[in-house]
Amino acid sequence: YNIEGNLTIKGITNKVSFPANVVMSDGMMNVKAAF
């Protein structure tokens, strides 16, 4: 999935987007992303 959102660091907010791998397995939701 392509994830879009607002990232706030040091009180400064910027829009970011990145791909994420979302897996439902063994009763858990696992999200992995690299960017």
PDB file of all heavy atoms in Angstrom:
ATOM      1  N   TYR A   1       0.839  -1.202   0.000  1.00  0.00           N
ATOM      2  CA  TYR A   1       0.000   0.000   0.000  1.00  0.00           C
ATOM      3  C   TYR A   1       0.871   1.248   0.000  1.00  0.00           C
ATOM      4  O   TYR A   1       1.979   1.244   0.531  1.00  0.00           O
ATOM      5  CB  TYR A   1      -0.898   0.021   1.228  1.00  0.00           C
ATOM      6  CG  TYR A   1      -1.807  -1.178   1.325  1.00  0.00           C
ATOM      7  CD1 TYR A   1      -1.368  -2.367   1.885  1.00  0.00           C
ATOM      8  CD2 TYR A   1      -3.103  -1.122   0.843  1.00  0.00           C
ATOM      9  CE1 TYR A   1      -2.186  -3.482   1.963  1.00  0.00           C
ATOM     10  CE2 TYR A   1      -3.943  -2.225   0.913  1.00  0.00           C
ATOM     11  CZ  TYR A   1      -3.475  -3.400   1.480  1.00  0.00           C
ATOM     12  OH  TYR A   1      -4.285  -4.499   1.545  1.00  0.00           O
ATOM     13  N   ASN A   2       0.365   2.290  -0.628  1.00  0.00           N
ATOM     14  CA  ASN A   2       1.023   3.589  -0.564  1.00  0.00           C
ATOM     15  C   ASN A   2       0.411   4.375   0.591  1.00  0.00           C
ATOM     16  O   ASN A   2      -0.777   4.670   0.592  1.00  0.00           O
ATOM     17  CB  ASN A   2       0.855   4.361  -1.869  1.00  0.00           C
ATOM     18  CG  ASN A   2       1.637   5.657  -1.854  1.00  0.00           C
ATOM     19  OD1 ASN A   2       2.846   5.655  -1.673  1.00  0.00           O
ATOM     20  ND2 ASN A   2       0.950   6.773  -2.040  1.00  0.00           N
ATOM     21  N   ILE A   3       1.241   4.689   1.564  1.00  0.00           N
ATOM     22  CA  ILE A   3       0.796   5.392   2.763  1.00  0.00           C
ATOM     23  C   ILE A   3       1.144   6.869   2.631  1.00  0.00           C
ATOM     24  O   ILE A   3       2.266   7.226   2.276  1.00  0.00           O
ATOM     25  CB  ILE A   3       1.472   4.836   4.024  1.00  0.00           C
ATOM     26  CG1 ILE A   3       1.298   3.315   4.105  1.00  0.00           C
ATOM     27  CG2 ILE A   3       0.919   5.512   5.276  1.00  0.00           C
ATOM     28  CD1 ILE A   3      -0.117   2.847   4.226  1.00  0.00           C
ATOM     29  N   GLU A   4       0.189   7.733   2.911  1.00  0.00           N
ATOM     30  CA  GLU A   4       0.429   9.174   2.931  1.00  0.00           C
ATOM     31  C   GLU A   4       0.009   9.726   4.286  1.00  0.00           C
ATOM     32  O   GLU A   4      -0.969   9.278   4.881  1.00  0.00           O
ATOM     33  CB  GLU A   4      -0.360   9.864   1.815  1.00  0.00           C
ATOM     34  CG  GLU A   4       0.076   9.460   0.419  1.00  0.00           C
ATOM     35  CD  GLU A   4      -0.660  10.231  -0.665  1.00  0.00           C
ATOM     36  OE1 GLU A   4      -1.593  10.993  -0.316  1.00  0.00           O
ATOM     37  OE2 GLU A   4      -0.299  10.079  -1.835  1.00  0.00           O
ATOM     38  N   GLY A   5       0.776  10.694   4.766  1.00  0.00           N
ATOM     39  CA  GLY A   5       0.430  11.270   6.058  1.00  0.00           C
ATOM     40  C   GLY A   5       1.291  12.462   6.393  1.00  0.00           C
ATOM     41  O   GLY A   5       2.114  12.914   5.585  1.00  0.00           O
ATOM     42  N   ASN A   6       1.111  12.973   7.598  1.00  0.00           N
ATOM     43  CA  ASN A   6       1.847  14.134   8.097  1.00  0.00           C
ATOM     44  C   ASN A   6       2.795  13.694   9.198  1.00  0.00           C
ATOM     45  O   ASN A   6       2.378  13.068  10.177  1.00  0.00           O
ATOM     46  CB  ASN A   6       0.881  15.192   8.631  1.00  0.00           C
ATOM     47  CG  ASN A   6      -0.015  15.753   7.539  1.00  0.00           C
ATOM     48  OD1 ASN A   6       0.447  16.020   6.438  1.00  0.00           O
ATOM     49  ND2 ASN A   6      -1.296  15.911   7.826  1.00  0.00           N
ATOM     50  N   LEU A   7       4.072  14.029   9.027  1.00  0.00           N
ATOM     51  CA  LEU A   7       5.098  13.687  10.010  1.00  0.00           C
ATOM     52  C   LEU A   7       5.578  14.961  10.691  1.00  0.00           C
ATOM     53  O   LEU A   7       6.057  15.886  10.026  1.00  0.00           O
ATOM     54  CB  LEU A   7       6.269  12.977   9.325  1.00  0.00           C
ATOM     55  CG  LEU A   7       7.447  12.578  10.222  1.00  0.00           C
ATOM     56  CD1 LEU A   7       6.992  11.617  11.317  1.00  0.00           C
ATOM     57  CD2 LEU A   7       8.568  11.955   9.398  1.00  0.00           C
ATOM     58  N   THR A   8       5.444  15.002  12.012  1.00  0.00           N
ATOM     59  CA  THR A   8       5.848  16.173  12.794  1.00  0.00           C
ATOM     60  C   THR A   8       7.078  15.838  13.626  1.00  0.00           C
ATOM     61  O   THR A   8       7.045  14.927  14.464  1.00  0.00           O
ATOM     62  CB  THR A   8       4.710  16.639  13.719  1.00  0.00           C
ATOM     63  OG1 THR A   8       3.556  16.957  12.930  1.00  0.00           O
ATOM     64  CG2 THR A   8       5.120  17.884  14.496  1.00  0.00           C
ATOM     65  N   ILE A   9       8.166  16.563  13.379  1.00  0.00           N
ATOM     66  CA  ILE A   9       9.410  16.441  14.136  1.00  0.00           C
ATOM     67  C   ILE A   9       9.846  17.843  14.531  1.00  0.00           C
ATOM     68  O   ILE A   9       9.812  18.761  13.713  1.00  0.00           O
ATOM     69  CB  ILE A   9      10.527  15.767  13.303  1.00  0.00           C
ATOM     70  CG1 ILE A   9      10.074  14.406  12.774  1.00  0.00           C
ATOM     71  CG2 ILE A   9      11.803  15.618  14.129  1.00  0.00           C
ATOM     72  CD1 ILE A   9      11.077  13.755  11.829  1.00  0.00           C
ATOM     73  N   LYS A  10      10.220  18.015  15.775  1.00  0.00           N
ATOM     74  CA  LYS A  10      10.653  19.328  16.278  1.00  0.00           C
ATOM     75  C   LYS A  10       9.571  20.396  16.072  1.00  0.00           C
ATOM     76  O   LYS A  10       9.861  21.563  15.845  1.00  0.00           O
ATOM     77  CB  LYS A  10      11.960  19.767  15.601  1.00  0.00           C
ATOM     78  CG  LYS A  10      13.125  18.837  15.873  1.00  0.00           C
ATOM     79  CD  LYS A  10      14.371  19.207  15.093  1.00  0.00           C
ATOM     80  CE  LYS A  10      14.927  20.552  15.528  1.00  0.00           C
ATOM     81  NZ  LYS A  10      16.253  20.822  14.903  1.00  0.00           N
ATOM     82  N   GLY A  11       8.324  19.993  16.111  1.00  0.00           N
ATOM     83  CA  GLY A  11       7.229  20.925  15.928  1.00  0.00           C
ATOM     84  C   GLY A  11       6.991  21.335  14.486  1.00  0.00           C
ATOM     85  O   GLY A  11       6.150  22.195  14.209  1.00  0.00           O
ATOM     86  N   ILE A  12       7.707  20.731  13.539  1.00  0.00           N
ATOM     87  CA  ILE A  12       7.586  21.047  12.114  1.00  0.00           C
ATOM     88  C   ILE A  12       6.892  19.882  11.416  1.00  0.00           C
ATOM     89  O   ILE A  12       7.294  18.724  11.575  1.00  0.00           O
ATOM     90  CB  ILE A  12       8.962  21.296  11.476  1.00  0.00           C
ATOM     91  CG1 ILE A  12       9.680  22.440  12.200  1.00  0.00           C
ATOM     92  CG2 ILE A  12       8.839  21.586   9.988  1.00  0.00           C
ATOM     93  CD1 ILE A  12      11.137  22.581  11.821  1.00  0.00           C
ATOM     94  N   THR A  13       5.861  20.180  10.645  1.00  0.00           N
ATOM     95  CA  THR A  13       5.076  19.132   9.977  1.00  0.00           C
ATOM     96  C   THR A  13       5.294  19.162   8.475  1.00  0.00           C
ATOM     97  O   THR A  13       5.198  20.215   7.838  1.00  0.00           O
ATOM     98  CB  THR A  13       3.578  19.301  10.273  1.00  0.00           C
ATOM     99  OG1 THR A  13       3.361  19.243  11.693  1.00  0.00           O
ATOM    100  CG2 THR A  13       2.761  18.207   9.608  1.00  0.00           C
ATOM    101  N   ASN A  14       5.599  18.010   7.913  1.00  0.00           N
ATOM    102  CA  ASN A  14       5.731  17.845   6.469  1.00  0.00           C
ATOM    103  C   ASN A  14       4.954  16.623   6.020  1.00  0.00           C
ATOM    104  O   ASN A  14       4.823  15.637   6.765  1.00  0.00           O
ATOM    105  CB  ASN A  14       7.204  17.670   6.069  1.00  0.00           C
ATOM    106  CG  ASN A  14       7.991  18.959   6.141  1.00  0.00           C
ATOM    107  OD1 ASN A  14       7.746  19.898   5.380  1.00  0.00           O
ATOM    108  ND2 ASN A  14       8.945  19.021   7.058  1.00  0.00           N
ATOM    109  N   LYS A  15       4.445  16.678   4.788  1.00  0.00           N
ATOM    110  CA  LYS A  15       3.769  15.527   4.215  1.00  0.00           C
ATOM    111  C   LYS A  15       4.799  14.507   3.751  1.00  0.00           C
ATOM    112  O   LYS A  15       5.826  14.867   3.169  1.00  0.00           O
ATOM    113  CB  LYS A  15       2.894  15.960   3.040  1.00  0.00           C
ATOM    114  CG  LYS A  15       1.705  16.822   3.435  1.00  0.00           C
ATOM    115  CD  LYS A  15       0.870  17.188   2.215  1.00  0.00           C
ATOM    116  CE  LYS A  15      -0.331  18.039   2.601  1.00  0.00           C
ATOM    117  NZ  LYS A  15      -1.144  18.412   1.419  1.00  0.00           N
ATOM    118  N   VAL A  16       4.523  13.244   3.992  1.00  0.00           N
ATOM    119  CA  VAL A  16       5.408  12.167   3.554  1.00  0.00           C
ATOM    120  C   VAL A  16       4.555  11.060   2.932  1.00  0.00           C
ATOM    121  O   VAL A  16       3.361  10.931   3.229  1.00  0.00           O
ATOM    122  CB  VAL A  16       6.242  11.587   4.714  1.00  0.00           C
ATOM    123  CG1 VAL A  16       7.165  12.637   5.302  1.00  0.00           C
ATOM    124  CG2 VAL A  16       5.339  11.002   5.795  1.00  0.00           C
ATOM    125  N   SER A  17       5.170  10.277   2.058  1.00  0.00           N
ATOM    126  CA  SER A  17       4.502   9.107   1.490  1.00  0.00           C
ATOM    127  C   SER A  17       5.533   8.002   1.309  1.00  0.00           C
ATOM    128  O   SER A  17       6.715   8.274   1.050  1.00  0.00           O
ATOM    129  CB  SER A  17       3.833   9.446   0.158  1.00  0.00           C
ATOM    130  OG  SER A  17       4.794   9.835  -0.802  1.00  0.00           O
ATOM    131  N   PHE A  18       5.085   6.761   1.456  1.00  0.00           N
ATOM    132  CA  PHE A  18       6.003   5.627   1.358  1.00  0.00           C
ATOM    133  C   PHE A  18       5.199   4.347   1.163  1.00  0.00           C
ATOM    134  O   PHE A  18       4.035   4.259   1.557  1.00  0.00           O
ATOM    135  CB  PHE A  18       6.869   5.518   2.612  1.00  0.00           C
ATOM    136  CG  PHE A  18       6.082   5.523   3.894  1.00  0.00           C
ATOM    137  CD1 PHE A  18       5.577   4.347   4.431  1.00  0.00           C
ATOM    138  CD2 PHE A  18       5.838   6.716   4.564  1.00  0.00           C
ATOM    139  CE1 PHE A  18       4.851   4.350   5.609  1.00  0.00           C
ATOM    140  CE2 PHE A  18       5.113   6.734   5.748  1.00  0.00           C
ATOM    141  CZ  PHE A  18       4.609   5.552   6.266  1.00  0.00           C
ATOM    142  N   PRO A  19       5.803   3.325   0.546  1.00  0.00           N
ATOM    143  CA  PRO A  19       5.122   2.043   0.408  1.00  0.00           C
ATOM    144  C   PRO A  19       5.238   1.240   1.703  1.00  0.00           C
ATOM    145  O   PRO A  19       6.239   1.336   2.427  1.00  0.00           O
ATOM    146  CB  PRO A  19       5.888   1.363  -0.732  1.00  0.00           C
ATOM    147  CG  PRO A  19       7.262   1.951  -0.645  1.00  0.00           C
ATOM    148  CD  PRO A  19       7.086   3.364  -0.172  1.00  0.00           C
ATOM    149  N   ALA A  20       4.222   0.456   1.990  1.00  0.00           N
ATOM    150  CA  ALA A  20       4.236  -0.373   3.193  1.00  0.00           C
ATOM    151  C   ALA A  20       3.671  -1.749   2.881  1.00  0.00           C
ATOM    152  O   ALA A  20       2.750  -1.897   2.076  1.00  0.00           O
ATOM    153  CB  ALA A  20       3.431   0.288   4.299  1.00  0.00           C
ATOM    154  N   ASN A  21       4.238  -2.754   3.525  1.00  0.00           N
ATOM    155  CA  ASN A  21       3.764  -4.123   3.408  1.00  0.00           C
ATOM    156  C   ASN A  21       2.905  -4.436   4.629  1.00  0.00           C
ATOM    157  O   ASN A  21       3.380  -4.358   5.762  1.00  0.00           O
ATOM    158  CB  ASN A  21       4.959  -5.078   3.326  1.00  0.00           C
ATOM    159  CG  ASN A  21       4.533  -6.517   3.125  1.00  0.00           C
ATOM    160  OD1 ASN A  21       4.055  -7.161   4.050  1.00  0.00           O
ATOM    161  ND2 ASN A  21       4.728  -7.024   1.921  1.00  0.00           N
ATOM    162  N   VAL A  22       1.625  -4.753   4.405  1.00  0.00           N
ATOM    163  CA  VAL A  22       0.685  -5.003   5.499  1.00  0.00           C
ATOM    164  C   VAL A  22       0.274  -6.465   5.460  1.00  0.00           C
ATOM    165  O   VAL A  22      -0.266  -6.940   4.461  1.00  0.00           O
ATOM    166  CB  VAL A  22      -0.556  -4.104   5.389  1.00  0.00           C
ATOM    167  CG1 VAL A  22      -1.512  -4.360   6.547  1.00  0.00           C
ATOM    168  CG2 VAL A  22      -0.148  -2.635   5.353  1.00  0.00           C
ATOM    169  N   VAL A  23       0.528  -7.192   6.545  1.00  0.00           N
ATOM    170  CA  VAL A  23       0.247  -8.626   6.585  1.00  0.00           C
ATOM    171  C   VAL A  23      -0.610  -8.953   7.804  1.00  0.00           C
ATOM    172  O   VAL A  23      -0.304  -8.520   8.915  1.00  0.00           O
ATOM    173  CB  VAL A  23       1.548  -9.449   6.641  1.00  0.00           C
ATOM    174  CG1 VAL A  23       1.239 -10.936   6.788  1.00  0.00           C
ATOM    175  CG2 VAL A  23       2.389  -9.205   5.389  1.00  0.00           C
ATOM    176  N   MET A  24      -1.683  -9.709   7.565  1.00  0.00           N
ATOM    177  CA  MET A  24      -2.502 -10.232   8.645  1.00  0.00           C
ATOM    178  C   MET A  24      -2.148 -11.706   8.808  1.00  0.00           C
ATOM    179  O   MET A  24      -2.380 -12.507   7.899  1.00  0.00           O
ATOM    180  CB  MET A  24      -3.976 -10.073   8.304  1.00  0.00           C
ATOM    181  CG  MET A  24      -4.399  -8.658   7.960  1.00  0.00           C
ATOM    182  SD  MET A  24      -4.339  -7.558   9.383  1.00  0.00           S
ATOM    183  CE  MET A  24      -5.729  -8.181  10.307  1.00  0.00           C
ATOM    184  N   SER A  25      -1.538 -12.059   9.944  1.00  0.00           N
ATOM    185  CA  SER A  25      -1.087 -13.434  10.116  1.00  0.00           C
ATOM    186  C   SER A  25      -1.022 -13.773  11.594  1.00  0.00           C
ATOM    187  O   SER A  25      -0.570 -12.963  12.419  1.00  0.00           O
ATOM    188  CB  SER A  25       0.303 -13.606   9.479  1.00  0.00           C
ATOM    189  OG  SER A  25       0.798 -14.907   9.683  1.00  0.00           O
ATOM    190  N   ASP A  26      -1.459 -14.972  11.930  1.00  0.00           N
ATOM    191  CA  ASP A  26      -1.382 -15.483  13.304  1.00  0.00           C
ATOM    192  C   ASP A  26      -2.018 -14.528  14.308  1.00  0.00           C
ATOM    193  O   ASP A  26      -1.495 -14.314  15.397  1.00  0.00           O
ATOM    194  CB  ASP A  26       0.081 -15.749  13.694  1.00  0.00           C
ATOM    195  CG  ASP A  26       0.728 -16.804  12.815  1.00  0.00           C
ATOM    196  OD1 ASP A  26       0.012 -17.732  12.401  1.00  0.00           O
ATOM    197  OD2 ASP A  26       1.931 -16.690  12.541  1.00  0.00           O
ATOM    198  N   GLY A  27      -3.125 -13.938  13.918  1.00  0.00           N
ATOM    199  CA  GLY A  27      -3.848 -13.070  14.838  1.00  0.00           C
ATOM    200  C   GLY A  27      -3.207 -11.726  15.079  1.00  0.00           C
ATOM    201  O   GLY A  27      -3.479 -11.084  16.100  1.00  0.00           O
ATOM    202  N   MET A  28      -2.352 -11.251  14.169  1.00  0.00           N
ATOM    203  CA  MET A  28      -1.675  -9.974  14.356  1.00  0.00           C
ATOM    204  C   MET A  28      -1.633  -9.181  13.057  1.00  0.00           C
ATOM    205  O   MET A  28      -1.659  -9.754  11.969  1.00  0.00           O
ATOM    206  CB  MET A  28      -0.248 -10.196  14.866  1.00  0.00           C
ATOM    207  CG  MET A  28      -0.162 -10.875  16.203  1.00  0.00           C
ATOM    208  SD  MET A  28       1.541 -11.172  16.721  1.00  0.00           S
ATOM    209  CE  MET A  28       1.257 -12.042  18.276  1.00  0.00           C
ATOM    210  N   MET A  29      -1.572  -7.859  13.185  1.00  0.00           N
ATOM    211  CA  MET A  29      -1.380  -6.985  12.035  1.00  0.00           C
ATOM    212  C   MET A  29       0.066  -6.485  12.060  1.00  0.00           C
ATOM    213  O   MET A  29       0.476  -5.814  13.001  1.00  0.00           O
ATOM    214  CB  MET A  29      -2.343  -5.789  12.094  1.00  0.00           C
ATOM    215  CG  MET A  29      -2.172  -4.823  10.925  1.00  0.00           C
ATOM    216  SD  MET A  29      -3.105  -3.266  11.142  1.00  0.00           S
ATOM    217  CE  MET A  29      -4.783  -3.888  11.150  1.00  0.00           C
ATOM    218  N   ASN A  30       0.815  -6.832  11.023  1.00  0.00           N
ATOM    219  CA  ASN A  30       2.216  -6.423  10.930  1.00  0.00           C
ATOM    220  C   ASN A  30       2.401  -5.490   9.738  1.00  0.00           C
ATOM    221  O   ASN A  30       1.974  -5.801   8.629  1.00  0.00           O
ATOM    222  CB  ASN A  30       3.118  -7.651  10.773  1.00  0.00           C
ATOM    223  CG  ASN A  30       4.595  -7.298  10.693  1.00  0.00           C
ATOM    224  OD1 ASN A  30       5.314  -7.817   9.858  1.00  0.00           O
ATOM    225  ND2 ASN A  30       5.058  -6.419  11.555  1.00  0.00           N
ATOM    226  N   VAL A  31       3.005  -4.337   9.993  1.00  0.00           N
ATOM    227  CA  VAL A  31       3.266  -3.354   8.940  1.00  0.00           C
ATOM    228  C   VAL A  31       4.769  -3.124   8.859  1.00  0.00           C
ATOM    229  O   VAL A  31       5.412  -2.799   9.861  1.00  0.00           O
ATOM    230  CB  VAL A  31       2.552  -2.016   9.228  1.00  0.00           C
ATOM    231  CG1 VAL A  31       2.842  -1.018   8.115  1.00  0.00           C
ATOM    232  CG2 VAL A  31       1.049  -2.226   9.379  1.00  0.00           C
ATOM    233  N   LYS A  32       5.327  -3.286   7.657  1.00  0.00           N
ATOM    234  CA  LYS A  32       6.745  -3.044   7.435  1.00  0.00           C
ATOM    235  C   LYS A  32       6.912  -2.027   6.317  1.00  0.00           C
ATOM    236  O   LYS A  32       6.221  -2.097   5.303  1.00  0.00           O
ATOM    237  CB  LYS A  32       7.488  -4.334   7.096  1.00  0.00           C
ATOM    238  CG  LYS A  32       7.532  -5.338   8.235  1.00  0.00           C
ATOM    239  CD  LYS A  32       8.365  -6.558   7.868  1.00  0.00           C
ATOM    240  CE  LYS A  32       8.432  -7.531   9.039  1.00  0.00           C
ATOM    241  NZ  LYS A  32       9.264  -8.728   8.739  1.00  0.00           N
ATOM    242  N   ALA A  33       7.846  -1.098   6.505  1.00  0.00           N
ATOM    243  CA  ALA A  33       8.087  -0.068   5.494  1.00  0.00           C
ATOM    244  C   ALA A  33       9.546   0.345   5.542  1.00  0.00           C
ATOM    245  O   ALA A  33      10.191   0.302   6.589  1.00  0.00           O
ATOM    246  CB  ALA A  33       7.189   1.145   5.734  1.00  0.00           C
ATOM    247  N   ALA A  34      10.079   0.760   4.390  1.00  0.00           N
ATOM    248  CA  ALA A  34      11.441   1.274   4.289  1.00  0.00           C
ATOM    249  C   ALA A  34      11.421   2.484   3.369  1.00  0.00           C
ATOM    250  O   ALA A  34      10.891   2.417   2.262  1.00  0.00           O
ATOM    251  CB  ALA A  34      12.391   0.203   3.753  1.00  0.00           C
ATOM    252  N   PHE A  35      11.993   3.605   3.834  1.00  0.00           N
ATOM    253  CA  PHE A  35      11.945   4.828   3.051  1.00  0.00           C
ATOM    254  C   PHE A  35      13.010   5.813   3.530  1.00  0.00           C
ATOM    255  O   PHE A  35      13.660   5.602   4.570  1.00  0.00           O
ATOM    256  CB  PHE A  35      10.555   5.479   3.133  1.00  0.00           C
ATOM    257  CG  PHE A  35      10.078   5.721   4.536  1.00  0.00           C
ATOM    258  CD1 PHE A  35      10.230   6.941   5.155  1.00  0.00           C
ATOM    259  CD2 PHE A  35       9.445   4.702   5.239  1.00  0.00           C
ATOM    260  CE1 PHE A  35       9.792   7.163   6.439  1.00  0.00           C
ATOM    261  CE2 PHE A  35       8.990   4.910   6.538  1.00  0.00           C
ATOM    262  CZ  PHE A  35       9.165   6.139   7.134  1.00  0.00           C
TER     263      PHE A  35
END
